[in-house]
Each structure stands twice: as C-alpha cells, then as structure tokens.
Amino acid sequence: IGDDLYTAIADGVRQGYQEGCLRKSMVKDP
C-alpha cells in the first residue's frame, strides 16, 4: 500500500546513495 513497489525500491536506492555519499554510476542512453 501507499505507492508502487518498484517506485518504492527506486526511492530507497536514491535516498541511500545520496545520504550515504555513495558514487552514482548509472547512465541512461547506454
């Protein structure tokens, strides 16, 4: 409940990597 499951996981990744100052490595248009 509350949101789409995959959106929730992406939000968690976004939050974890930003707050943890972890390197962001993903690129679009590969």
mmCIF file of all heavy atoms, coordinates in Angstrom:
data_MODEL
# 
_entry.id   MODEL 
# 
loop_
_atom_site.group_PDB 
_atom_site.id 
_atom_site.type_symbol 
_atom_site.label_atom_id 
_atom_site.label_alt_id 
_atom_site.label_comp_id 
_atom_site.label_asym_id 
_atom_site.label_entity_id 
_atom_site.label_seq_id 
_atom_site.pdbx_PDB_ins_code 
_atom_site.Cartn_x 
_atom_site.Cartn_y 
_atom_site.Cartn_z 
_atom_site.occupancy 
_atom_site.B_iso_or_equiv 
_atom_site.pdbx_formal_charge 
_atom_site.auth_seq_id 
_atom_site.auth_comp_id 
_atom_site.auth_asym_id 
_atom_site.auth_atom_id 
_atom_site.pdbx_PDB_model_num 
ATOM 1   N N   . ILE A 1 1  ? 0.846  -1.198 0.000   1.00 0.00 ? 1  ILE A N   1 
ATOM 2   C CA  . ILE A 1 1  ? 0.000  0.000  0.000   1.00 0.00 ? 1  ILE A CA  1 
ATOM 3   C C   . ILE A 1 1  ? 0.880  1.245  0.000   1.00 0.00 ? 1  ILE A C   1 
ATOM 4   O O   . ILE A 1 1  ? 2.038  1.207  0.363   1.00 0.00 ? 1  ILE A O   1 
ATOM 5   C CB  . ILE A 1 1  ? -0.953 0.026  1.226   1.00 0.00 ? 1  ILE A CB  1 
ATOM 6   C CG1 . ILE A 1 1  ? -0.158 0.051  2.531   1.00 0.00 ? 1  ILE A CG1 1 
ATOM 7   C CG2 . ILE A 1 1  ? -1.903 -1.160 1.194   1.00 0.00 ? 1  ILE A CG2 1 
ATOM 8   C CD1 . ILE A 1 1  ? -1.027 0.277  3.776   1.00 0.00 ? 1  ILE A CD1 1 
ATOM 9   N N   . GLY A 1 2  ? 0.311  2.352  -0.429  1.00 0.00 ? 2  GLY A N   1 
ATOM 10  C CA  . GLY A 1 2  ? 0.985  3.644  -0.329  1.00 0.00 ? 2  GLY A CA  1 
ATOM 11  C C   . GLY A 1 2  ? 1.714  4.089  -1.576  1.00 0.00 ? 2  GLY A C   1 
ATOM 12  O O   . GLY A 1 2  ? 1.856  5.284  -1.823  1.00 0.00 ? 2  GLY A O   1 
ATOM 13  N N   . ASP A 1 3  ? 2.203  3.154  -2.386  1.00 0.00 ? 3  ASP A N   1 
ATOM 14  C CA  . ASP A 1 3  ? 2.916  3.516  -3.612  1.00 0.00 ? 3  ASP A CA  1 
ATOM 15  C C   . ASP A 1 3  ? 3.187  2.249  -4.406  1.00 0.00 ? 3  ASP A C   1 
ATOM 16  O O   . ASP A 1 3  ? 3.004  1.133  -3.911  1.00 0.00 ? 3  ASP A O   1 
ATOM 17  C CB  . ASP A 1 3  ? 4.233  4.240  -3.285  1.00 0.00 ? 3  ASP A CB  1 
ATOM 18  C CG  . ASP A 1 3  ? 4.706  5.142  -4.424  1.00 0.00 ? 3  ASP A CG  1 
ATOM 19  O OD1 . ASP A 1 3  ? 4.185  5.002  -5.551  1.00 0.00 ? 3  ASP A OD1 1 
ATOM 20  O OD2 . ASP A 1 3  ? 5.599  5.980  -4.184  1.00 0.00 ? 3  ASP A OD2 1 
ATOM 21  N N   . ASP A 1 4  ? 3.659  2.431  -5.620  1.00 0.00 ? 4  ASP A N   1 
ATOM 22  C CA  . ASP A 1 4  ? 4.059  1.314  -6.463  1.00 0.00 ? 4  ASP A CA  1 
ATOM 23  C C   . ASP A 1 4  ? 5.336  0.682  -5.896  1.00 0.00 ? 4  ASP A C   1 
ATOM 24  O O   . ASP A 1 4  ? 6.254  1.382  -5.461  1.00 0.00 ? 4  ASP A O   1 
ATOM 25  C CB  . ASP A 1 4  ? 4.300  1.835  -7.882  1.00 0.00 ? 4  ASP A CB  1 
ATOM 26  C CG  . ASP A 1 4  ? 4.983  0.807  -8.758  1.00 0.00 ? 4  ASP A CG  1 
ATOM 27  O OD1 . ASP A 1 4  ? 4.322  -0.172 -9.140  1.00 0.00 ? 4  ASP A OD1 1 
ATOM 28  O OD2 . ASP A 1 4  ? 6.187  0.970  -9.028  1.00 0.00 ? 4  ASP A OD2 1 
ATOM 29  N N   . LEU A 1 5  ? 5.400  -0.646 -5.907  1.00 0.00 ? 5  LEU A N   1 
ATOM 30  C CA  . LEU A 1 5  ? 6.527  -1.362 -5.307  1.00 0.00 ? 5  LEU A CA  1 
ATOM 31  C C   . LEU A 1 5  ? 7.854  -0.968 -5.938  1.00 0.00 ? 5  LEU A C   1 
ATOM 32  O O   . LEU A 1 5  ? 8.825  -0.653 -5.227  1.00 0.00 ? 5  LEU A O   1 
ATOM 33  C CB  . LEU A 1 5  ? 6.308  -2.875 -5.449  1.00 0.00 ? 5  LEU A CB  1 
ATOM 34  C CG  . LEU A 1 5  ? 7.462  -3.778 -5.017  1.00 0.00 ? 5  LEU A CG  1 
ATOM 35  C CD1 . LEU A 1 5  ? 7.791  -3.577 -3.544  1.00 0.00 ? 5  LEU A CD1 1 
ATOM 36  C CD2 . LEU A 1 5  ? 7.120  -5.241 -5.308  1.00 0.00 ? 5  LEU A CD2 1 
ATOM 37  N N   . TYR A 1 6  ? 7.947  -0.983 -7.248  1.00 0.00 ? 6  TYR A N   1 
ATOM 38  C CA  . TYR A 1 6  ? 9.221  -0.690 -7.893  1.00 0.00 ? 6  TYR A CA  1 
ATOM 39  C C   . TYR A 1 6  ? 9.624  0.779  -7.710  1.00 0.00 ? 6  TYR A C   1 
ATOM 40  O O   . TYR A 1 6  ? 10.814 1.096  -7.610  1.00 0.00 ? 6  TYR A O   1 
ATOM 41  C CB  . TYR A 1 6  ? 9.163  -1.050 -9.380  1.00 0.00 ? 6  TYR A CB  1 
ATOM 42  C CG  . TYR A 1 6  ? 9.251  -2.535 -9.657  1.00 0.00 ? 6  TYR A CG  1 
ATOM 43  C CD1 . TYR A 1 6  ? 9.192  -3.464 -8.614  1.00 0.00 ? 6  TYR A CD1 1 
ATOM 44  C CD2 . TYR A 1 6  ? 9.396  -3.025 -10.945 1.00 0.00 ? 6  TYR A CD2 1 
ATOM 45  C CE1 . TYR A 1 6  ? 9.265  -4.827 -8.852  1.00 0.00 ? 6  TYR A CE1 1 
ATOM 46  C CE2 . TYR A 1 6  ? 9.477  -4.396 -11.204 1.00 0.00 ? 6  TYR A CE2 1 
ATOM 47  C CZ  . TYR A 1 6  ? 9.411  -5.287 -10.136 1.00 0.00 ? 6  TYR A CZ  1 
ATOM 48  O OH  . TYR A 1 6  ? 9.500  -6.639 -10.383 1.00 0.00 ? 6  TYR A OH  1 
ATOM 49  N N   . THR A 1 7  ? 8.637  1.662  -7.648  1.00 0.00 ? 7  THR A N   1 
ATOM 50  C CA  . THR A 1 7  ? 8.918  3.070  -7.350  1.00 0.00 ? 7  THR A CA  1 
ATOM 51  C C   . THR A 1 7  ? 9.492  3.203  -5.947  1.00 0.00 ? 7  THR A C   1 
ATOM 52  O O   . THR A 1 7  ? 10.444 3.956  -5.712  1.00 0.00 ? 7  THR A O   1 
ATOM 53  C CB  . THR A 1 7  ? 7.645  3.919  -7.480  1.00 0.00 ? 7  THR A CB  1 
ATOM 54  O OG1 . THR A 1 7  ? 7.175  3.856  -8.827  1.00 0.00 ? 7  THR A OG1 1 
ATOM 55  C CG2 . THR A 1 7  ? 7.915  5.377  -7.109  1.00 0.00 ? 7  THR A CG2 1 
ATOM 56  N N   . ALA A 1 8  ? 8.937  2.447  -5.013  1.00 0.00 ? 8  ALA A N   1 
ATOM 57  C CA  . ALA A 1 8  ? 9.419  2.483  -3.631  1.00 0.00 ? 8  ALA A CA  1 
ATOM 58  C C   . ALA A 1 8  ? 10.869 2.011  -3.552  1.00 0.00 ? 8  ALA A C   1 
ATOM 59  O O   . ALA A 1 8  ? 11.678 2.583  -2.804  1.00 0.00 ? 8  ALA A O   1 
ATOM 60  C CB  . ALA A 1 8  ? 8.532  1.612  -2.743  1.00 0.00 ? 8  ALA A CB  1 
ATOM 61  N N   . ILE A 1 9  ? 11.210 0.985  -4.301  1.00 0.00 ? 9  ILE A N   1 
ATOM 62  C CA  . ILE A 1 9  ? 12.585 0.486  -4.289  1.00 0.00 ? 9  ILE A CA  1 
ATOM 63  C C   . ILE A 1 9  ? 13.534 1.521  -4.897  1.00 0.00 ? 9  ILE A C   1 
ATOM 64  O O   . ILE A 1 9  ? 14.610 1.801  -4.354  1.00 0.00 ? 9  ILE A O   1 
ATOM 65  C CB  . ILE A 1 9  ? 12.675 -0.850 -5.038  1.00 0.00 ? 9  ILE A CB  1 
ATOM 66  C CG1 . ILE A 1 9  ? 11.916 -1.925 -4.261  1.00 0.00 ? 9  ILE A CG1 1 
ATOM 67  C CG2 . ILE A 1 9  ? 14.122 -1.263 -5.239  1.00 0.00 ? 9  ILE A CG2 1 
ATOM 68  C CD1 . ILE A 1 9  ? 11.719 -3.206 -5.013  1.00 0.00 ? 9  ILE A CD1 1 
ATOM 69  N N   . ALA A 1 10 ? 13.143 2.110  -6.011  1.00 0.00 ? 10 ALA A N   1 
ATOM 70  C CA  . ALA A 1 10 ? 13.967 3.152  -6.629  1.00 0.00 ? 10 ALA A CA  1 
ATOM 71  C C   . ALA A 1 10 ? 14.157 4.332  -5.684  1.00 0.00 ? 10 ALA A C   1 
ATOM 72  O O   . ALA A 1 10 ? 15.258 4.897  -5.580  1.00 0.00 ? 10 ALA A O   1 
ATOM 73  C CB  . ALA A 1 10 ? 13.337 3.614  -7.940  1.00 0.00 ? 10 ALA A CB  1 
ATOM 74  N N   . ASP A 1 11 ? 13.092 4.709  -4.962  1.00 0.00 ? 11 ASP A N   1 
ATOM 75  C CA  . ASP A 1 11 ? 13.203 5.798  -3.994  1.00 0.00 ? 11 ASP A CA  1 
ATOM 76  C C   . ASP A 1 11 ? 14.204 5.447  -2.895  1.00 0.00 ? 11 ASP A C   1 
ATOM 77  O O   . ASP A 1 11 ? 14.975 6.293  -2.431  1.00 0.00 ? 11 ASP A O   1 
ATOM 78  C CB  . ASP A 1 11 ? 11.839 6.104  -3.367  1.00 0.00 ? 11 ASP A CB  1 
ATOM 79  C CG  . ASP A 1 11 ? 10.905 6.830  -4.318  1.00 0.00 ? 11 ASP A CG  1 
ATOM 80  O OD1 . ASP A 1 11 ? 11.386 7.362  -5.341  1.00 0.00 ? 11 ASP A OD1 1 
ATOM 81  O OD2 . ASP A 1 11 ? 9.683  6.867  -4.040  1.00 0.00 ? 11 ASP A OD2 1 
ATOM 82  N N   . GLY A 1 12 ? 14.202 4.178  -2.469  1.00 0.00 ? 12 GLY A N   1 
ATOM 83  C CA  . GLY A 1 12 ? 15.143 3.741  -1.452  1.00 0.00 ? 12 GLY A CA  1 
ATOM 84  C C   . GLY A 1 12 ? 16.575 3.789  -1.945  1.00 0.00 ? 12 GLY A C   1 
ATOM 85  O O   . GLY A 1 12 ? 17.490 4.202  -1.217  1.00 0.00 ? 12 GLY A O   1 
ATOM 86  N N   . VAL A 1 13 ? 16.806 3.362  -3.184  1.00 0.00 ? 13 VAL A N   1 
ATOM 87  C CA  . VAL A 1 13 ? 18.139 3.434  -3.771  1.00 0.00 ? 13 VAL A CA  1 
ATOM 88  C C   . VAL A 1 13 ? 18.601 4.885  -3.851  1.00 0.00 ? 13 VAL A C   1 
ATOM 89  O O   . VAL A 1 13 ? 19.722 5.231  -3.456  1.00 0.00 ? 13 VAL A O   1 
ATOM 90  C CB  . VAL A 1 13 ? 18.153 2.792  -5.168  1.00 0.00 ? 13 VAL A CB  1 
ATOM 91  C CG1 . VAL A 1 13 ? 19.471 3.078  -5.894  1.00 0.00 ? 13 VAL A CG1 1 
ATOM 92  C CG2 . VAL A 1 13 ? 17.918 1.289  -5.060  1.00 0.00 ? 13 VAL A CG2 1 
ATOM 93  N N   . ARG A 1 14 ? 17.729 5.742  -4.332  1.00 0.00 ? 14 ARG A N   1 
ATOM 94  C CA  . ARG A 1 14 ? 18.048 7.168  -4.475  1.00 0.00 ? 14 ARG A CA  1 
ATOM 95  C C   . ARG A 1 14 ? 18.439 7.766  -3.114  1.00 0.00 ? 14 ARG A C   1 
ATOM 96  O O   . ARG A 1 14 ? 19.468 8.434  -2.983  1.00 0.00 ? 14 ARG A O   1 
ATOM 97  C CB  . ARG A 1 14 ? 16.828 7.888  -5.052  1.00 0.00 ? 14 ARG A CB  1 
ATOM 98  C CG  . ARG A 1 14 ? 17.038 9.358  -5.343  1.00 0.00 ? 14 ARG A CG  1 
ATOM 99  C CD  . ARG A 1 14 ? 15.792 9.949  -5.975  1.00 0.00 ? 14 ARG A CD  1 
ATOM 100 N NE  . ARG A 1 14 ? 15.488 9.328  -7.271  1.00 0.00 ? 14 ARG A NE  1 
ATOM 101 C CZ  . ARG A 1 14 ? 14.453 8.514  -7.499  1.00 0.00 ? 14 ARG A CZ  1 
ATOM 102 N NH1 . ARG A 1 14 ? 13.589 8.223  -6.523  1.00 0.00 ? 14 ARG A NH1 1 
ATOM 103 N NH2 . ARG A 1 14 ? 14.261 8.008  -8.696  1.00 0.00 ? 14 ARG A NH2 1 
ATOM 104 N N   . GLN A 1 15 ? 17.621 7.491  -2.117  1.00 0.00 ? 15 GLN A N   1 
ATOM 105 C CA  . GLN A 1 15 ? 17.872 8.031  -0.784  1.00 0.00 ? 15 GLN A CA  1 
ATOM 106 C C   . GLN A 1 15 ? 19.167 7.469  -0.194  1.00 0.00 ? 15 GLN A C   1 
ATOM 107 O O   . GLN A 1 15 ? 19.988 8.214  0.346   1.00 0.00 ? 15 GLN A O   1 
ATOM 108 C CB  . GLN A 1 15 ? 16.698 7.688  0.136   1.00 0.00 ? 15 GLN A CB  1 
ATOM 109 C CG  . GLN A 1 15 ? 16.858 8.157  1.574   1.00 0.00 ? 15 GLN A CG  1 
ATOM 110 C CD  . GLN A 1 15 ? 15.693 7.713  2.439   1.00 0.00 ? 15 GLN A CD  1 
ATOM 111 O OE1 . GLN A 1 15 ? 14.604 7.450  1.953   1.00 0.00 ? 15 GLN A OE1 1 
ATOM 112 N NE2 . GLN A 1 15 ? 15.930 7.636  3.739   1.00 0.00 ? 15 GLN A NE2 1 
ATOM 113 N N   . GLY A 1 16 ? 19.352 6.160  -0.307  1.00 0.00 ? 16 GLY A N   1 
ATOM 114 C CA  . GLY A 1 16 ? 20.525 5.526  0.278   1.00 0.00 ? 16 GLY A CA  1 
ATOM 115 C C   . GLY A 1 16 ? 21.827 6.016  -0.331  1.00 0.00 ? 16 GLY A C   1 
ATOM 116 O O   . GLY A 1 16 ? 22.799 6.295  0.389   1.00 0.00 ? 16 GLY A O   1 
ATOM 117 N N   . TYR A 1 17 ? 21.858 6.140  -1.657  1.00 0.00 ? 17 TYR A N   1 
ATOM 118 C CA  . TYR A 1 17 ? 23.081 6.567  -2.317  1.00 0.00 ? 17 TYR A CA  1 
ATOM 119 C C   . TYR A 1 17 ? 23.361 8.043  -2.094  1.00 0.00 ? 17 TYR A C   1 
ATOM 120 O O   . TYR A 1 17 ? 24.529 8.445  -1.959  1.00 0.00 ? 17 TYR A O   1 
ATOM 121 C CB  . TYR A 1 17 ? 23.018 6.242  -3.813  1.00 0.00 ? 17 TYR A CB  1 
ATOM 122 C CG  . TYR A 1 17 ? 23.481 4.830  -4.110  1.00 0.00 ? 17 TYR A CG  1 
ATOM 123 C CD1 . TYR A 1 17 ? 22.684 3.735  -3.803  1.00 0.00 ? 17 TYR A CD1 1 
ATOM 124 C CD2 . TYR A 1 17 ? 24.736 4.590  -4.662  1.00 0.00 ? 17 TYR A CD2 1 
ATOM 125 C CE1 . TYR A 1 17 ? 23.114 2.435  -4.046  1.00 0.00 ? 17 TYR A CE1 1 
ATOM 126 C CE2 . TYR A 1 17 ? 25.174 3.294  -4.912  1.00 0.00 ? 17 TYR A CE2 1 
ATOM 127 C CZ  . TYR A 1 17 ? 24.352 2.218  -4.598  1.00 0.00 ? 17 TYR A CZ  1 
ATOM 128 O OH  . TYR A 1 17 ? 24.796 0.946  -4.826  1.00 0.00 ? 17 TYR A OH  1 
ATOM 129 N N   . GLN A 1 18 ? 22.318 8.850  -2.021  1.00 0.00 ? 18 GLN A N   1 
ATOM 130 C CA  . GLN A 1 18 ? 22.549 10.274 -1.787  1.00 0.00 ? 18 GLN A CA  1 
ATOM 131 C C   . GLN A 1 18 ? 22.972 10.541 -0.350  1.00 0.00 ? 18 GLN A C   1 
ATOM 132 O O   . GLN A 1 18 ? 23.956 11.246 -0.102  1.00 0.00 ? 18 GLN A O   1 
ATOM 133 C CB  . GLN A 1 18 ? 21.281 11.063 -2.140  1.00 0.00 ? 18 GLN A CB  1 
ATOM 134 C CG  . GLN A 1 18 ? 21.012 11.118 -3.640  1.00 0.00 ? 18 GLN A CG  1 
ATOM 135 C CD  . GLN A 1 18 ? 19.714 11.818 -4.005  1.00 0.00 ? 18 GLN A CD  1 
ATOM 136 O OE1 . GLN A 1 18 ? 18.825 11.979 -3.177  1.00 0.00 ? 18 GLN A OE1 1 
ATOM 137 N NE2 . GLN A 1 18 ? 19.597 12.204 -5.258  1.00 0.00 ? 18 GLN A NE2 1 
ATOM 138 N N   . GLU A 1 19 ? 22.268 9.976  0.617   1.00 0.00 ? 19 GLU A N   1 
ATOM 139 C CA  . GLU A 1 19 ? 22.589 10.221 2.023   1.00 0.00 ? 19 GLU A CA  1 
ATOM 140 C C   . GLU A 1 19 ? 23.901 9.575  2.434   1.00 0.00 ? 19 GLU A C   1 
ATOM 141 O O   . GLU A 1 19 ? 24.598 10.072 3.325   1.00 0.00 ? 19 GLU A O   1 
ATOM 142 C CB  . GLU A 1 19 ? 21.445 9.723  2.915   1.00 0.00 ? 19 GLU A CB  1 
ATOM 143 C CG  . GLU A 1 19 ? 20.163 10.522 2.741   1.00 0.00 ? 19 GLU A CG  1 
ATOM 144 C CD  . GLU A 1 19 ? 19.052 10.046 3.664   1.00 0.00 ? 19 GLU A CD  1 
ATOM 145 O OE1 . GLU A 1 19 ? 19.263 9.053  4.405   1.00 0.00 ? 19 GLU A OE1 1 
ATOM 146 O OE2 . GLU A 1 19 ? 17.975 10.660 3.646   1.00 0.00 ? 19 GLU A OE2 1 
ATOM 147 N N   . GLY A 1 20 ? 24.253 8.442  1.784   1.00 0.00 ? 20 GLY A N   1 
ATOM 148 C CA  . GLY A 1 20 ? 25.496 7.764  2.113   1.00 0.00 ? 20 GLY A CA  1 
ATOM 149 C C   . GLY A 1 20 ? 26.701 8.286  1.350   1.00 0.00 ? 20 GLY A C   1 
ATOM 150 O O   . GLY A 1 20 ? 27.820 7.799  1.539   1.00 0.00 ? 20 GLY A O   1 
ATOM 151 N N   . CYS A 1 21 ? 26.489 9.302  0.507   1.00 0.00 ? 21 CYS A N   1 
ATOM 152 C CA  . CYS A 1 21 ? 27.563 9.860  -0.331  1.00 0.00 ? 21 CYS A CA  1 
ATOM 153 C C   . CYS A 1 21 ? 28.248 8.754  -1.130  1.00 0.00 ? 21 CYS A C   1 
ATOM 154 O O   . CYS A 1 21 ? 29.480 8.699  -1.226  1.00 0.00 ? 21 CYS A O   1 
ATOM 155 C CB  . CYS A 1 21 ? 28.579 10.618 0.524   1.00 0.00 ? 21 CYS A CB  1 
ATOM 156 S SG  . CYS A 1 21 ? 27.888 12.064 1.375   1.00 0.00 ? 21 CYS A SG  1 
ATOM 157 N N   . LEU A 1 22 ? 27.437 7.870  -1.685  1.00 0.00 ? 22 LEU A N   1 
ATOM 158 C CA  . LEU A 1 22 ? 27.939 6.756  -2.478  1.00 0.00 ? 22 LEU A CA  1 
ATOM 159 C C   . LEU A 1 22 ? 28.018 7.161  -3.945  1.00 0.00 ? 22 LEU A C   1 
ATOM 160 O O   . LEU A 1 22 ? 27.163 7.905  -4.438  1.00 0.00 ? 22 LEU A O   1 
ATOM 161 C CB  . LEU A 1 22 ? 27.014 5.546  -2.325  1.00 0.00 ? 22 LEU A CB  1 
ATOM 162 C CG  . LEU A 1 22 ? 26.780 5.060  -0.891  1.00 0.00 ? 22 LEU A CG  1 
ATOM 163 C CD1 . LEU A 1 22 ? 25.744 3.941  -0.870  1.00 0.00 ? 22 LEU A CD1 1 
ATOM 164 C CD2 . LEU A 1 22 ? 28.080 4.600  -0.256  1.00 0.00 ? 22 LEU A CD2 1 
ATOM 165 N N   . ARG A 1 23 ? 29.013 6.671  -4.644  1.00 0.00 ? 23 ARG A N   1 
ATOM 166 C CA  . ARG A 1 23 ? 29.199 7.048  -6.038  1.00 0.00 ? 23 ARG A CA  1 
ATOM 167 C C   . ARG A 1 23 ? 28.022 6.571  -6.877  1.00 0.00 ? 23 ARG A C   1 
ATOM 168 O O   . ARG A 1 23 ? 27.571 5.433  -6.753  1.00 0.00 ? 23 ARG A O   1 
ATOM 169 C CB  . ARG A 1 23 ? 30.491 6.460  -6.601  1.00 0.00 ? 23 ARG A CB  1 
ATOM 170 C CG  . ARG A 1 23 ? 30.893 7.115  -7.922  1.00 0.00 ? 23 ARG A CG  1 
ATOM 171 C CD  . ARG A 1 23 ? 32.124 6.455  -8.517  1.00 0.00 ? 23 ARG A CD  1 
ATOM 172 N NE  . ARG A 1 23 ? 31.766 5.211  -9.205  1.00 0.00 ? 23 ARG A NE  1 
ATOM 173 C CZ  . ARG A 1 23 ? 32.636 4.482  -9.912  1.00 0.00 ? 23 ARG A CZ  1 
ATOM 174 N NH1 . ARG A 1 23 ? 33.903 4.855  -9.986  1.00 0.00 ? 23 ARG A NH1 1 
ATOM 175 N NH2 . ARG A 1 23 ? 32.251 3.375  -10.512 1.00 0.00 ? 23 ARG A NH2 1 
ATOM 176 N N   . LYS A 1 24 ? 27.532 7.463  -7.720  1.00 0.00 ? 24 LYS A N   1 
ATOM 177 C CA  . LYS A 1 24 ? 26.423 7.139  -8.615  1.00 0.00 ? 24 LYS A CA  1 
ATOM 178 C C   . LYS A 1 24 ? 26.997 6.769  -9.982  1.00 0.00 ? 24 LYS A C   1 
ATOM 179 O O   . LYS A 1 24 ? 27.652 7.580  -10.628 1.00 0.00 ? 24 LYS A O   1 
ATOM 180 C CB  . LYS A 1 24 ? 25.464 8.319  -8.762  1.00 0.00 ? 24 LYS A CB  1 
ATOM 181 C CG  . LYS A 1 24 ? 24.666 8.644  -7.496  1.00 0.00 ? 24 LYS A CG  1 
ATOM 182 C CD  . LYS A 1 24 ? 25.436 9.498  -6.520  1.00 0.00 ? 24 LYS A CD  1 
ATOM 183 C CE  . LYS A 1 24 ? 24.589 9.962  -5.347  1.00 0.00 ? 24 LYS A CE  1 
ATOM 184 N NZ  . LYS A 1 24 ? 25.369 10.681 -4.340  1.00 0.00 ? 24 LYS A NZ  1 
ATOM 185 N N   . SER A 1 25 ? 26.709 5.550  -10.408 1.00 0.00 ? 25 SER A N   1 
ATOM 186 C CA  . SER A 1 25 ? 27.378 5.021  -11.597 1.00 0.00 ? 25 SER A CA  1 
ATOM 187 C C   . SER A 1 25 ? 26.453 4.754  -12.780 1.00 0.00 ? 25 SER A C   1 
ATOM 188 O O   . SER A 1 25 ? 26.928 4.382  -13.852 1.00 0.00 ? 25 SER A O   1 
ATOM 189 C CB  . SER A 1 25 ? 28.101 3.714  -11.235 1.00 0.00 ? 25 SER A CB  1 
ATOM 190 O OG  . SER A 1 25 ? 29.038 3.926  -10.208 1.00 0.00 ? 25 SER A OG  1 
ATOM 191 N N   . MET A 1 26 ? 25.151 4.902  -12.599 1.00 0.00 ? 26 MET A N   1 
ATOM 192 C CA  . MET A 1 26 ? 24.218 4.518  -13.654 1.00 0.00 ? 26 MET A CA  1 
ATOM 193 C C   . MET A 1 26 ? 24.089 5.608  -14.714 1.00 0.00 ? 26 MET A C   1 
ATOM 194 O O   . MET A 1 26 ? 23.974 6.801  -14.389 1.00 0.00 ? 26 MET A O   1 
ATOM 195 C CB  . MET A 1 26 ? 22.841 4.224  -13.058 1.00 0.00 ? 26 MET A CB  1 
ATOM 196 C CG  . MET A 1 26 ? 22.847 3.086  -12.060 1.00 0.00 ? 26 MET A CG  1 
ATOM 197 S SD  . MET A 1 26 ? 23.429 1.526  -12.759 1.00 0.00 ? 26 MET A SD  1 
ATOM 198 C CE  . MET A 1 26 ? 22.053 1.139  -13.846 1.00 0.00 ? 26 MET A CE  1 
ATOM 199 N N   . VAL A 1 27 ? 24.092 5.174  -15.990 1.00 0.00 ? 27 VAL A N   1 
ATOM 200 C CA  . VAL A 1 27 ? 23.916 6.115  -17.094 1.00 0.00 ? 27 VAL A CA  1 
ATOM 201 C C   . VAL A 1 27 ? 22.728 5.687  -17.946 1.00 0.00 ? 27 VAL A C   1 
ATOM 202 O O   . VAL A 1 27 ? 22.465 4.496  -18.116 1.00 0.00 ? 27 VAL A O   1 
ATOM 203 C CB  . VAL A 1 27 ? 25.186 6.218  -17.970 1.00 0.00 ? 27 VAL A CB  1 
ATOM 204 C CG1 . VAL A 1 27 ? 26.342 6.783  -17.169 1.00 0.00 ? 27 VAL A CG1 1 
ATOM 205 C CG2 . VAL A 1 27 ? 25.559 4.874  -18.581 1.00 0.00 ? 27 VAL A CG2 1 
ATOM 206 N N   . LYS A 1 28 ? 21.990 6.669  -18.458 1.00 0.00 ? 28 LYS A N   1 
ATOM 207 C CA  . LYS A 1 28 ? 20.900 6.382  -19.387 1.00 0.00 ? 28 LYS A CA  1 
ATOM 208 C C   . LYS A 1 28 ? 21.426 6.504  -20.814 1.00 0.00 ? 28 LYS A C   1 
ATOM 209 O O   . LYS A 1 28 ? 22.545 6.972  -21.031 1.00 0.00 ? 28 LYS A O   1 
ATOM 210 C CB  . LYS A 1 28 ? 19.720 7.314  -19.154 1.00 0.00 ? 28 LYS A CB  1 
ATOM 211 C CG  . LYS A 1 28 ? 20.036 8.791  -19.188 1.00 0.00 ? 28 LYS A CG  1 
ATOM 212 C CD  . LYS A 1 28 ? 18.822 9.616  -18.768 1.00 0.00 ? 28 LYS A CD  1 
ATOM 213 C CE  . LYS A 1 28 ? 19.165 11.095 -18.688 1.00 0.00 ? 28 LYS A CE  1 
ATOM 214 N NZ  . LYS A 1 28 ? 18.021 11.906 -18.240 1.00 0.00 ? 28 LYS A NZ  1 
ATOM 215 N N   . ASP A 1 29 ? 20.614 6.076  -21.774 1.00 0.00 ? 29 ASP A N   1 
ATOM 216 C CA  . ASP A 1 29 ? 21.037 6.052  -23.177 1.00 0.00 ? 29 ASP A CA  1 
ATOM 217 C C   . ASP A 1 29 ? 22.399 5.358  -23.292 1.00 0.00 ? 29 ASP A C   1 
ATOM 218 O O   . ASP A 1 29 ? 23.397 5.955  -23.693 1.00 0.00 ? 29 ASP A O   1 
ATOM 219 C CB  . ASP A 1 29 ? 21.124 7.467  -23.758 1.00 0.00 ? 29 ASP A CB  1 
ATOM 220 C CG  . ASP A 1 29 ? 19.817 8.228  -23.621 1.00 0.00 ? 29 ASP A CG  1 
ATOM 221 O OD1 . ASP A 1 29 ? 18.761 7.623  -23.873 1.00 0.00 ? 29 ASP A OD1 1 
ATOM 222 O OD2 . ASP A 1 29 ? 19.851 9.407  -23.233 1.00 0.00 ? 29 ASP A OD2 1 
ATOM 223 N N   . PRO A 1 30 ? 22.465 4.053  -22.938 1.00 0.00 ? 30 PRO A N   1 
ATOM 224 C CA  . PRO A 1 30 ? 23.757 3.392  -22.743 1.00 0.00 ? 30 PRO A CA  1 
ATOM 225 C C   . PRO A 1 30 ? 24.652 3.329  -23.969 1.00 0.00 ? 30 PRO A C   1 
ATOM 226 O O   . PRO A 1 30 ? 25.876 3.254  -23.817 1.00 0.00 ? 30 PRO A O   1 
ATOM 227 C CB  . PRO A 1 30 ? 23.357 1.988  -22.284 1.00 0.00 ? 30 PRO A CB  1 
ATOM 228 C CG  . PRO A 1 30 ? 21.963 1.794  -22.779 1.00 0.00 ? 30 PRO A CG  1 
ATOM 229 C CD  . PRO A 1 30 ? 21.327 3.140  -22.696 1.00 0.00 ? 30 PRO A CD  1 
# 
